[in-house]
Amino acid sequence: MEFRSLRFLAFLFVMLAISHASLPSEDYWKLVLPHTPMPKVIRDLLQPKGLRSVEASTSYCTIQIIFNKAFQSTGEDAHYDSDGGSFFLETDLHPGKKMKLNLAITTNEAVFLPHQVAESIPFSSNKLSEILSRFSLKENSAEAEVIKKALEECEKPAMEGEAKYCAKSLESLIEFSTSKLGSRNVNVLTNDVETMTSQEYEFGVGMNKIANKSVVCHEVYYPYAVFYCHAFAKTRTYMIPLVGADGSKFKAVATCHIDTSAWHPKHVAFKVLNVKPGTVPVCHFIQSNDMVWIPK
C-alpha cells in the first residue's frame, strides 16, 4: 500500500511539473542563481506552446512534447548563418564596420522538460529506434532525420581545448555552464533584440569586451528543449551596438576564438574570411536563440 501511495504521489508531482512547467524551473533558477536574471530565451521555453504534440511515456506518466515540423538541419556549421555571414575578424571590431546579418529568433517550439523526466528518456544514437517509438515517429520521416542528426552532433568528440555537453533540461544547462565557469556568480547574455530583418548593419560606438571566459549554448532542434553548450580555453566576448540600414538599433553578443588551430580546415569561417586555422582570432555573433554564460 505504501509503495502504491508513493507511486501515486510521484505521478502527481510529475504531472504538476508538466502542467505548470515554469514553477519548478523558475524556483530552481532562483535557488542556485539568485542574483542572475533569467533571460527571455530561457523563460519562453518554460511555457507550453507549439504546432503539434506527440506522446512520450515514462515509468509513471505520459507527457506531451512539442515538435515543430518547421525544423532546420544540424551539422558542423548549423550554429551559424548557413552562408557564414555572422563571422568576422577581431581586427574588425571598430565603429563603422559594416556586415549583412540575420540574427532573427527562430524556434522549434520546444519546451524544457522537468529534469527527472528528461533524464528518463534515452538520448543516444544507439537508442534511436526506442526514441522514435516513444515519440510515435516513423524511422524514415523528416523528424526522425532531425533527431538522428542532433544526436550525432551531440556525440561528436570535443575538439582540443573544448568542453562540450548537450543539456536536456534547464537544471543540467545550469550545472554544466556554472561548473565550467567555476562559479554560480554569473551573467547570462543574449542578443538585445525582439525582431530583426536581414540587412546591412554598422558597428556602433560603445562596443565593450565583457569577458575572457565563457560558455556558449546553442538551441538544438529536438522534440523538447536541448542546448548544445561548449566552452573553449581561449575566447573573448564582446557586446556590440549595431545600427541597421533602416535605422533600427540593438546590441548583439559576439564571441572571438583566439586559437582556431583545432578547427576543421574546411570550416565555413575560413572560407568566408579567407584565413587559415590557427592564424588569427575568428569572431562570430551568436544567434538570437543562443546564450552566453560569463562570470560576473
C-alpha atoms as a PDB file:
ATOM      1  CA  MET A   1       0.000   0.000   0.000  1.00  0.00           C
ATOM      2  CA  GLU A   2       2.795   2.419   0.881  1.00  0.00           C
ATOM      3  CA  PHE A   3       4.583   1.690  -2.410  1.00  0.00           C
ATOM      4  CA  ARG A   4       1.389   2.408  -4.363  1.00  0.00           C
ATOM      5  CA  SER A   5       0.939   5.661  -2.458  1.00  0.00           C
ATOM      6  CA  LEU A   6       4.486   6.725  -3.266  1.00  0.00           C
ATOM      7  CA  ARG A   7       3.917   5.928  -6.936  1.00  0.00           C
ATOM      8  CA  PHE A   8       0.718   7.960  -6.912  1.00  0.00           C
ATOM      9  CA  LEU A   9       2.495  10.914  -5.282  1.00  0.00           C
ATOM     10  CA  ALA A  10       5.320  10.699  -7.819  1.00  0.00           C
ATOM     11  CA  PHE A  11       2.755  10.640 -10.609  1.00  0.00           C
ATOM     12  CA  LEU A  12       1.049  13.743  -9.216  1.00  0.00           C
ATOM     13  CA  PHE A  13       4.381  15.564  -8.789  1.00  0.00           C
ATOM     14  CA  VAL A  14       5.482  14.968 -12.365  1.00  0.00           C
ATOM     15  CA  MET A  15       2.080  15.812 -13.808  1.00  0.00           C
ATOM     16  CA  LEU A  16       2.027  19.065 -11.830  1.00  0.00           C
ATOM     17  CA  ALA A  17       5.543  19.828 -13.031  1.00  0.00           C
ATOM     18  CA  ILE A  18       4.418  19.332 -16.604  1.00  0.00           C
ATOM     19  CA  SER A  19       1.177  21.255 -16.203  1.00  0.00           C
ATOM     20  CA  HIS A  20       2.979  24.179 -14.535  1.00  0.00           C
ATOM     21  CA  ALA A  21       6.364  23.854 -16.214  1.00  0.00           C
ATOM     22  CA  SER A  22       7.512  27.352 -15.243  1.00  0.00           C
ATOM     23  CA  LEU A  23       7.174  26.847 -11.476  1.00  0.00           C
ATOM     24  CA  PRO A  24       9.813  24.199 -10.640  1.00  0.00           C
ATOM     25  CA  SER A  25      12.325  25.500 -13.207  1.00  0.00           C
ATOM     26  CA  GLU A  26      11.980  29.091 -12.058  1.00  0.00           C
ATOM     27  CA  ASP A  27      12.308  28.002  -8.446  1.00  0.00           C
ATOM     28  CA  TYR A  28      15.485  26.071  -9.234  1.00  0.00           C
ATOM     29  CA  TRP A  29      16.931  29.051 -11.121  1.00  0.00           C
ATOM     30  CA  LYS A  30      16.187  31.392  -8.206  1.00  0.00           C
ATOM     31  CA  LEU A  31      17.682  28.918  -5.752  1.00  0.00           C
ATOM     32  CA  VAL A  32      21.048  28.432  -7.479  1.00  0.00           C
ATOM     33  CA  LEU A  33      21.282  31.746  -9.390  1.00  0.00           C
ATOM     34  CA  PRO A  34      19.550  34.226  -7.058  1.00  0.00           C
ATOM     35  CA  HIS A  35      21.401  37.256  -8.476  1.00  0.00           C
ATOM     36  CA  THR A  36      21.155  36.311 -12.160  1.00  0.00           C
ATOM     37  CA  PRO A  37      18.102  37.488 -14.147  1.00  0.00           C
ATOM     38  CA  MET A  38      16.562  34.736 -16.274  1.00  0.00           C
ATOM     39  CA  PRO A  39      16.836  35.732 -19.972  1.00  0.00           C
ATOM     40  CA  LYS A  40      13.746  35.712 -22.161  1.00  0.00           C
ATOM     41  CA  VAL A  41      15.265  32.967 -24.333  1.00  0.00           C
ATOM     42  CA  ILE A  42      15.006  30.603 -21.359  1.00  0.00           C
ATOM     43  CA  ARG A  43      11.776  31.986 -19.943  1.00  0.00           C
ATOM     44  CA  ASP A  44       9.998  31.340 -23.245  1.00  0.00           C
ATOM     45  CA  LEU A  45      10.988  27.663 -23.071  1.00  0.00           C
ATOM     46  CA  LEU A  46       9.137  27.220 -19.779  1.00  0.00           C
ATOM     47  CA  GLN A  47       5.699  27.872 -21.276  1.00  0.00           C
ATOM     48  CA  PRO A  48       3.819  25.205 -23.254  1.00  0.00           C
ATOM     49  CA  LYS A  49       3.475  26.161 -26.906  1.00  0.00           C
ATOM     50  CA  GLY A  50       3.850  24.646 -30.356  1.00  0.00           C
ATOM     51  CA  LEU A  51       2.283  23.412 -33.532  1.00  0.00           C
ATOM     52  CA  ARG A  52       1.616  19.798 -32.655  1.00  0.00           C
ATOM     53  CA  SER A  53       2.419  17.318 -29.898  1.00  0.00           C
ATOM     54  CA  VAL A  54       3.460  13.701 -29.634  1.00  0.00           C
ATOM     55  CA  GLU A  55       3.347  11.447 -26.593  1.00  0.00           C
ATOM     56  CA  ALA A  56       6.358  10.145 -24.683  1.00  0.00           C
ATOM     57  CA  SER A  57       5.802   7.593 -21.930  1.00  0.00           C
ATOM     58  CA  THR A  58       7.860   7.478 -18.750  1.00  0.00           C
ATOM     59  CA  SER A  59       7.619   4.982 -15.921  1.00  0.00           C
ATOM     60  CA  TYR A  60       4.979   6.995 -14.080  1.00  0.00           C
ATOM     61  CA  CYS A  61       3.357   9.359 -16.519  1.00  0.00           C
ATOM     62  CA  THR A  62       2.601  10.334 -20.071  1.00  0.00           C
ATOM     63  CA  ILE A  63       3.806  13.748 -21.150  1.00  0.00           C
ATOM     64  CA  GLN A  64       3.040  15.914 -24.131  1.00  0.00           C
ATOM     65  CA  ILE A  65       6.138  17.028 -26.055  1.00  0.00           C
ATOM     66  CA  ILE A  66       6.092  19.753 -28.675  1.00  0.00           C
ATOM     67  CA  PHE A  67       7.824  19.212 -32.014  1.00  0.00           C
ATOM     68  CA  ASN A  68       7.616  21.743 -34.801  1.00  0.00           C
ATOM     69  CA  LYS A  69       7.785  20.421 -38.354  1.00  0.00           C
ATOM     70  CA  ALA A  70       9.453  23.700 -39.343  1.00  0.00           C
ATOM     71  CA  PHE A  71      12.809  22.298 -38.237  1.00  0.00           C
ATOM     72  CA  GLN A  72      16.216  23.140 -39.624  1.00  0.00           C
ATOM     73  CA  SER A  73      19.263  20.969 -40.101  1.00  0.00           C
ATOM     74  CA  THR A  74      22.110  20.450 -37.684  1.00  0.00           C
ATOM     75  CA  GLY A  75      25.736  19.947 -38.549  1.00  0.00           C
ATOM     76  CA  GLU A  76      29.210  21.433 -38.420  1.00  0.00           C
ATOM     77  CA  ASP A  77      28.075  24.971 -39.285  1.00  0.00           C
ATOM     78  CA  ALA A  78      24.493  24.719 -38.014  1.00  0.00           C
ATOM     79  CA  HIS A  79      25.079  27.131 -35.126  1.00  0.00           C
ATOM     80  CA  TYR A  80      25.834  29.986 -37.528  1.00  0.00           C
ATOM     81  CA  ASP A  81      24.307  31.519 -40.629  1.00  0.00           C
ATOM     82  CA  SER A  82      24.332  28.963 -43.426  1.00  0.00           C
ATOM     83  CA  ASP A  83      26.279  31.409 -45.607  1.00  0.00           C
ATOM     84  CA  GLY A  84      28.761  32.204 -42.822  1.00  0.00           C
ATOM     85  CA  GLY A  85      27.590  35.810 -42.665  1.00  0.00           C
ATOM     86  CA  SER A  86      27.998  36.165 -38.893  1.00  0.00           C
ATOM     87  CA  PHE A  87      31.803  35.634 -38.946  1.00  0.00           C
ATOM     88  CA  PHE A  88      34.347  38.445 -38.794  1.00  0.00           C
ATOM     89  CA  LEU A  89      37.900  39.110 -37.605  1.00  0.00           C
ATOM     90  CA  GLU A  90      38.711  40.600 -34.221  1.00  0.00           C
ATOM     91  CA  THR A  91      40.533  43.392 -36.057  1.00  0.00           C
ATOM     92  CA  ASP A  92      37.114  44.378 -37.487  1.00  0.00           C
ATOM     93  CA  LEU A  93      35.941  45.467 -34.030  1.00  0.00           C
ATOM     94  CA  HIS A  94      35.703  49.197 -34.617  1.00  0.00           C
ATOM     95  CA  PRO A  95      32.841  51.664 -35.238  1.00  0.00           C
ATOM     96  CA  GLY A  96      31.884  51.880 -38.885  1.00  0.00           C
ATOM     97  CA  LYS A  97      32.458  48.228 -39.779  1.00  0.00           C
ATOM     98  CA  LYS A  98      29.532  47.022 -41.914  1.00  0.00           C
ATOM     99  CA  MET A  99      28.132  43.489 -42.233  1.00  0.00           C
ATOM    100  CA  LYS A 100      24.979  41.911 -43.606  1.00  0.00           C
ATOM    101  CA  LEU A 101      23.424  39.967 -40.730  1.00  0.00           C
ATOM    102  CA  ASN A 102      20.404  37.827 -39.997  1.00  0.00           C
ATOM    103  CA  LEU A 103      20.268  37.004 -36.287  1.00  0.00           C
ATOM    104  CA  ALA A 104      16.490  36.695 -36.102  1.00  0.00           C
ATOM    105  CA  ILE A 105      14.910  34.446 -33.492  1.00  0.00           C
ATOM    106  CA  THR A 106      13.821  31.057 -34.824  1.00  0.00           C
ATOM    107  CA  THR A 107      12.366  28.250 -32.767  1.00  0.00           C
ATOM    108  CA  ASN A 108      11.264  24.645 -32.951  1.00  0.00           C
ATOM    109  CA  GLU A 109       8.578  25.457 -30.349  1.00  0.00           C
ATOM    110  CA  ALA A 110      10.118  23.019 -27.846  1.00  0.00           C
ATOM    111  CA  VAL A 111       9.863  23.367 -24.073  1.00  0.00           C
ATOM    112  CA  PHE A 112      12.084  22.255 -21.212  1.00  0.00           C
ATOM    113  CA  LEU A 113      11.067  19.003 -19.551  1.00  0.00           C
ATOM    114  CA  PRO A 114      11.368  18.500 -15.795  1.00  0.00           C
ATOM    115  CA  HIS A 115      14.880  17.243 -15.088  1.00  0.00           C
ATOM    116  CA  GLN A 116      13.851  13.775 -13.892  1.00  0.00           C
ATOM    117  CA  VAL A 117      11.609  13.262 -16.909  1.00  0.00           C
ATOM    118  CA  ALA A 118      14.317  14.385 -19.363  1.00  0.00           C
ATOM    119  CA  GLU A 119      16.842  12.035 -17.754  1.00  0.00           C
ATOM    120  CA  SER A 120      14.425   9.112 -18.067  1.00  0.00           C
ATOM    121  CA  ILE A 121      14.194   9.429 -21.858  1.00  0.00           C
ATOM    122  CA  PRO A 122      17.001   7.825 -23.917  1.00  0.00           C
ATOM    123  CA  PHE A 123      19.325  10.286 -25.671  1.00  0.00           C
ATOM    124  CA  SER A 124      21.755   8.244 -27.737  1.00  0.00           C
ATOM    125  CA  SER A 125      22.191   7.201 -31.366  1.00  0.00           C
ATOM    126  CA  ASN A 126      22.165   3.548 -30.403  1.00  0.00           C
ATOM    127  CA  LYS A 127      18.734   4.099 -28.850  1.00  0.00           C
ATOM    128  CA  LEU A 128      17.308   5.881 -31.900  1.00  0.00           C
ATOM    129  CA  SER A 129      14.607   3.269 -32.568  1.00  0.00           C
ATOM    130  CA  GLU A 130      13.401   3.482 -28.983  1.00  0.00           C
ATOM    131  CA  ILE A 131      13.392   7.291 -29.087  1.00  0.00           C
ATOM    132  CA  LEU A 132      11.335   7.348 -32.288  1.00  0.00           C
ATOM    133  CA  SER A 133       8.927   4.824 -30.808  1.00  0.00           C
ATOM    134  CA  ARG A 134       8.437   6.978 -27.715  1.00  0.00           C
ATOM    135  CA  PHE A 135       7.596   9.961 -29.900  1.00  0.00           C
ATOM    136  CA  SER A 136       5.451   7.895 -32.313  1.00  0.00           C
ATOM    137  CA  LEU A 137       7.666   8.890 -35.235  1.00  0.00           C
ATOM    138  CA  LYS A 138       8.412   6.814 -38.330  1.00  0.00           C
ATOM    139  CA  GLU A 139      12.036   5.854 -38.993  1.00  0.00           C
ATOM    140  CA  ASN A 140      12.136   7.423 -42.452  1.00  0.00           C
ATOM    141  CA  SER A 141      10.338  10.623 -41.514  1.00  0.00           C
ATOM    142  CA  ALA A 142      11.840  14.105 -41.726  1.00  0.00           C
ATOM    143  CA  GLU A 143      11.513  14.455 -37.939  1.00  0.00           C
ATOM    144  CA  ALA A 144      13.470  11.226 -37.434  1.00  0.00           C
ATOM    145  CA  GLU A 145      16.299  12.609 -39.559  1.00  0.00           C
ATOM    146  CA  VAL A 146      16.403  15.784 -37.432  1.00  0.00           C
ATOM    147  CA  ILE A 147      16.621  13.692 -34.243  1.00  0.00           C
ATOM    148  CA  LYS A 148      19.335  11.484 -35.731  1.00  0.00           C
ATOM    149  CA  LYS A 149      21.480  14.462 -36.758  1.00  0.00           C
ATOM    150  CA  ALA A 150      21.024  16.146 -33.382  1.00  0.00           C
ATOM    151  CA  LEU A 151      22.174  13.033 -31.538  1.00  0.00           C
ATOM    152  CA  GLU A 152      25.177  12.628 -33.841  1.00  0.00           C
ATOM    153  CA  GLU A 153      26.161  16.261 -33.276  1.00  0.00           C
ATOM    154  CA  CYS A 154      25.921  15.844 -29.511  1.00  0.00           C
ATOM    155  CA  GLU A 155      28.018  12.664 -29.631  1.00  0.00           C
ATOM    156  CA  LYS A 156      30.886  14.073 -31.699  1.00  0.00           C
ATOM    157  CA  PRO A 157      34.161  14.181 -29.752  1.00  0.00           C
ATOM    158  CA  ALA A 158      35.132  17.572 -28.401  1.00  0.00           C
ATOM    159  CA  MET A 159      37.883  19.462 -30.182  1.00  0.00           C
ATOM    160  CA  GLU A 160      41.190  20.106 -28.494  1.00  0.00           C
ATOM    161  CA  GLY A 161      40.667  22.827 -25.896  1.00  0.00           C
ATOM    162  CA  GLU A 162      36.874  22.424 -25.964  1.00  0.00           C
ATOM    163  CA  ALA A 163      34.459  21.076 -23.344  1.00  0.00           C
ATOM    164  CA  LYS A 164      31.003  20.268 -24.720  1.00  0.00           C
ATOM    165  CA  TYR A 165      27.701  18.933 -23.437  1.00  0.00           C
ATOM    166  CA  CYS A 166      24.111  18.671 -24.668  1.00  0.00           C
ATOM    167  CA  ALA A 167      21.885  19.808 -21.817  1.00  0.00           C
ATOM    168  CA  LYS A 168      18.462  18.140 -21.822  1.00  0.00           C
ATOM    169  CA  SER A 169      16.943  20.188 -19.011  1.00  0.00           C
ATOM    170  CA  LEU A 170      17.286  23.630 -17.505  1.00  0.00           C
ATOM    171  CA  GLU A 171      18.916  22.107 -14.438  1.00  0.00           C
ATOM    172  CA  SER A 172      21.631  20.347 -16.467  1.00  0.00           C
ATOM    173  CA  LEU A 173      22.160  23.523 -18.540  1.00  0.00           C
ATOM    174  CA  ILE A 174      22.803  25.491 -15.349  1.00  0.00           C
ATOM    175  CA  GLU A 175      25.067  22.851 -13.819  1.00  0.00           C
ATOM    176  CA  PHE A 176      27.291  22.452 -16.889  1.00  0.00           C
ATOM    177  CA  SER A 177      27.654  26.177 -17.543  1.00  0.00           C
ATOM    178  CA  THR A 178      28.421  27.142 -13.950  1.00  0.00           C
ATOM    179  CA  SER A 179      30.798  24.216 -13.471  1.00  0.00           C
ATOM    180  CA  LYS A 180      32.886  25.285 -16.484  1.00  0.00           C
ATOM    181  CA  LEU A 181      32.987  28.877 -15.245  1.00  0.00           C
ATOM    182  CA  GLY A 182      33.850  27.707 -11.734  1.00  0.00           C
ATOM    183  CA  SER A 183      31.192  29.903 -10.163  1.00  0.00           C
ATOM    184  CA  ARG A 184      27.460  30.430  -9.808  1.00  0.00           C
ATOM    185  CA  ASN A 185      28.016  34.178  -9.745  1.00  0.00           C
ATOM    186  CA  VAL A 186      27.317  34.580 -13.449  1.00  0.00           C
ATOM    187  CA  ASN A 187      25.584  36.644 -16.101  1.00  0.00           C
ATOM    188  CA  VAL A 188      23.660  35.063 -18.977  1.00  0.00           C
ATOM    189  CA  LEU A 189      23.772  37.178 -22.134  1.00  0.00           C
ATOM    190  CA  THR A 190      21.560  37.136 -25.211  1.00  0.00           C
ATOM    191  CA  ASN A 191      21.073  39.481 -28.133  1.00  0.00           C
ATOM    192  CA  ASP A 192      19.065  42.543 -27.137  1.00  0.00           C
ATOM    193  CA  VAL A 193      16.550  42.265 -29.951  1.00  0.00           C
ATOM    194  CA  GLU A 194      12.938  41.120 -30.339  1.00  0.00           C
ATOM    195  CA  THR A 195      12.731  41.290 -34.130  1.00  0.00           C
ATOM    196  CA  MET A 196      15.409  41.665 -36.747  1.00  0.00           C
ATOM    197  CA  THR A 197      15.409  41.810 -40.524  1.00  0.00           C
ATOM    198  CA  SER A 198      18.196  40.589 -42.776  1.00  0.00           C
ATOM    199  CA  GLN A 199      20.021  43.741 -43.833  1.00  0.00           C
ATOM    200  CA  GLU A 200      23.327  45.575 -43.572  1.00  0.00           C
ATOM    201  CA  TYR A 201      24.324  46.631 -40.063  1.00  0.00           C
ATOM    202  CA  GLU A 202      27.037  49.023 -38.941  1.00  0.00           C
ATOM    203  CA  PHE A 203      29.068  48.580 -35.762  1.00  0.00           C
ATOM    204  CA  GLY A 204      28.254  51.475 -33.455  1.00  0.00           C
ATOM    205  CA  VAL A 205      30.162  53.375 -30.797  1.00  0.00           C
ATOM    206  CA  GLY A 206      30.458  51.839 -27.342  1.00  0.00           C
ATOM    207  CA  MET A 207      31.392  48.209 -28.002  1.00  0.00           C
ATOM    208  CA  ASN A 208      32.815  46.501 -24.921  1.00  0.00           C
ATOM    209  CA  LYS A 209      34.869  43.433 -24.150  1.00  0.00           C
ATOM    210  CA  ILE A 210      32.918  41.848 -21.311  1.00  0.00           C
ATOM    211  CA  ALA A 211      34.651  38.530 -20.620  1.00  0.00           C
ATOM    212  CA  ASN A 212      37.741  36.416 -21.301  1.00  0.00           C
ATOM    213  CA  LYS A 213      35.942  33.215 -20.327  1.00  0.00           C
ATOM    214  CA  SER A 214      32.542  31.955 -21.438  1.00  0.00           C
ATOM    215  CA  VAL A 215      30.200  29.064 -22.126  1.00  0.00           C
ATOM    216  CA  VAL A 216      28.142  29.387 -25.317  1.00  0.00           C
ATOM    217  CA  CYS A 217      24.885  27.437 -25.613  1.00  0.00           C
ATOM    218  CA  HIS A 218      23.058  26.894 -28.906  1.00  0.00           C
ATOM    219  CA  GLU A 219      19.484  25.621 -29.176  1.00  0.00           C
ATOM    220  CA  VAL A 220      19.282  22.150 -30.731  1.00  0.00           C
ATOM    221  CA  TYR A 221      16.334  21.210 -32.938  1.00  0.00           C
ATOM    222  CA  TYR A 222      14.702  18.399 -30.982  1.00  0.00           C
ATOM    223  CA  PRO A 223      11.217  17.373 -29.757  1.00  0.00           C
ATOM    224  CA  TYR A 224      11.931  19.023 -26.394  1.00  0.00           C
ATOM    225  CA  ALA A 225      14.342  21.783 -25.388  1.00  0.00           C
ATOM    226  CA  VAL A 226      18.002  20.749 -25.670  1.00  0.00           C
ATOM    227  CA  PHE A 227      21.026  23.062 -25.745  1.00  0.00           C
ATOM    228  CA  TYR A 228      24.444  22.294 -27.226  1.00  0.00           C
ATOM    229  CA  CYS A 229      26.832  24.022 -24.817  1.00  0.00           C
ATOM    230  CA  HIS A 230      30.577  24.344 -25.211  1.00  0.00           C
ATOM    231  CA  ALA A 231      33.465  26.186 -23.644  1.00  0.00           C
ATOM    232  CA  PHE A 232      36.814  26.895 -25.269  1.00  0.00           C
ATOM    233  CA  ALA A 233      40.047  27.561 -23.434  1.00  0.00           C
ATOM    234  CA  LYS A 234      40.767  30.865 -25.173  1.00  0.00           C
ATOM    235  CA  THR A 235      37.879  33.187 -26.012  1.00  0.00           C
ATOM    236  CA  ARG A 236      36.879  36.817 -25.663  1.00  0.00           C
ATOM    237  CA  THR A 237      33.265  38.002 -25.510  1.00  0.00           C
ATOM    238  CA  TYR A 238      32.069  41.392 -26.757  1.00  0.00           C
ATOM    239  CA  MET A 239      28.803  43.334 -26.629  1.00  0.00           C
ATOM    240  CA  ILE A 240      28.443  45.257 -29.884  1.00  0.00           C
ATOM    241  CA  PRO A 241      25.958  48.052 -30.694  1.00  0.00           C
ATOM    242  CA  LEU A 242      24.506  47.609 -34.184  1.00  0.00           C
ATOM    243  CA  VAL A 243      22.699  50.133 -36.370  1.00  0.00           C
ATOM    244  CA  GLY A 244      20.649  48.800 -39.276  1.00  0.00           C
ATOM    245  CA  ALA A 245      20.298  50.390 -42.685  1.00  0.00           C
ATOM    246  CA  ASP A 246      16.659  51.053 -41.740  1.00  0.00           C
ATOM    247  CA  GLY A 247      17.752  52.911 -38.573  1.00  0.00           C
ATOM    248  CA  SER A 248      16.963  50.093 -36.134  1.00  0.00           C
ATOM    249  CA  LYS A 249      19.338  49.734 -33.176  1.00  0.00           C
ATOM    250  CA  PHE A 250      20.169  46.903 -30.771  1.00  0.00           C
ATOM    251  CA  LYS A 251      23.081  45.216 -29.046  1.00  0.00           C
ATOM    252  CA  ALA A 252      24.400  41.791 -30.062  1.00  0.00           C
ATOM    253  CA  VAL A 253      26.803  39.369 -28.393  1.00  0.00           C
ATOM    254  CA  ALA A 254      29.903  38.185 -30.235  1.00  0.00           C
ATOM    255  CA  THR A 255      32.478  35.596 -29.255  1.00  0.00           C
ATOM    256  CA  CYS A 256      36.059  35.631 -30.538  1.00  0.00           C
ATOM    257  CA  HIS A 257      38.015  32.376 -30.653  1.00  0.00           C
ATOM    258  CA  ILE A 258      41.682  33.156 -30.111  1.00  0.00           C
ATOM    259  CA  ASP A 259      43.032  29.753 -31.142  1.00  0.00           C
ATOM    260  CA  THR A 260      41.337  28.026 -34.093  1.00  0.00           C
ATOM    261  CA  SER A 261      44.147  25.580 -34.845  1.00  0.00           C
ATOM    262  CA  ALA A 262      41.928  22.589 -33.902  1.00  0.00           C
ATOM    263  CA  TRP A 263      39.042  23.650 -36.163  1.00  0.00           C
ATOM    264  CA  HIS A 264      38.304  21.689 -39.317  1.00  0.00           C
ATOM    265  CA  PRO A 265      40.265  23.221 -42.241  1.00  0.00           C
ATOM    266  CA  LYS A 266      37.037  23.407 -44.264  1.00  0.00           C
ATOM    267  CA  HIS A 267      35.088  25.252 -41.564  1.00  0.00           C
ATOM    268  CA  VAL A 268      32.851  27.895 -43.148  1.00  0.00           C
ATOM    269  CA  ALA A 269      34.606  30.681 -41.195  1.00  0.00           C
ATOM    270  CA  PHE A 270      37.892  30.080 -43.002  1.00  0.00           C
ATOM    271  CA  LYS A 271      36.132  30.143 -46.367  1.00  0.00           C
ATOM    272  CA  VAL A 272      34.329  33.395 -45.610  1.00  0.00           C
ATOM    273  CA  LEU A 273      37.281  35.212 -44.039  1.00  0.00           C
ATOM    274  CA  ASN A 274      39.961  33.727 -46.316  1.00  0.00           C
ATOM    275  CA  VAL A 275      42.222  32.751 -43.427  1.00  0.00           C
ATOM    276  CA  LYS A 276      43.796  29.508 -42.258  1.00  0.00           C
ATOM    277  CA  PRO A 277      43.286  27.620 -38.980  1.00  0.00           C
ATOM    278  CA  GLY A 278      45.274  28.990 -36.045  1.00  0.00           C
ATOM    279  CA  THR A 279      46.466  32.168 -37.758  1.00  0.00           C
ATOM    280  CA  VAL A 280      44.143  34.907 -36.419  1.00  0.00           C
ATOM    281  CA  PRO A 281      41.278  35.184 -33.899  1.00  0.00           C
ATOM    282  CA  VAL A 282      37.915  34.394 -35.506  1.00  0.00           C
ATOM    283  CA  CYS A 283      34.743  36.017 -34.180  1.00  0.00           C
ATOM    284  CA  HIS A 284      31.047  35.379 -34.692  1.00  0.00           C
ATOM    285  CA  PHE A 285      27.758  36.777 -33.457  1.00  0.00           C
ATOM    286  CA  ILE A 286      25.507  34.409 -31.563  1.00  0.00           C
ATOM    287  CA  GLN A 287      22.065  33.685 -32.957  1.00  0.00           C
ATOM    288  CA  SER A 288      19.126  35.152 -31.077  1.00  0.00           C
ATOM    289  CA  ASN A 289      18.108  31.725 -29.715  1.00  0.00           C
ATOM    290  CA  ASP A 290      21.552  31.276 -28.181  1.00  0.00           C
ATOM    291  CA  MET A 291      23.055  32.452 -24.908  1.00  0.00           C
ATOM    292  CA  VAL A 292      26.496  33.145 -23.482  1.00  0.00           C
ATOM    293  CA  TRP A 293      27.320  32.462 -19.832  1.00  0.00           C
ATOM    294  CA  ILE A 294      30.093  34.594 -18.353  1.00  0.00           C
ATOM    295  CA  PRO A 295      31.460  35.147 -14.820  1.00  0.00           C
ATOM    296  CA  LYS A 296      30.484  38.403 -13.115  1.00  0.00           C
END
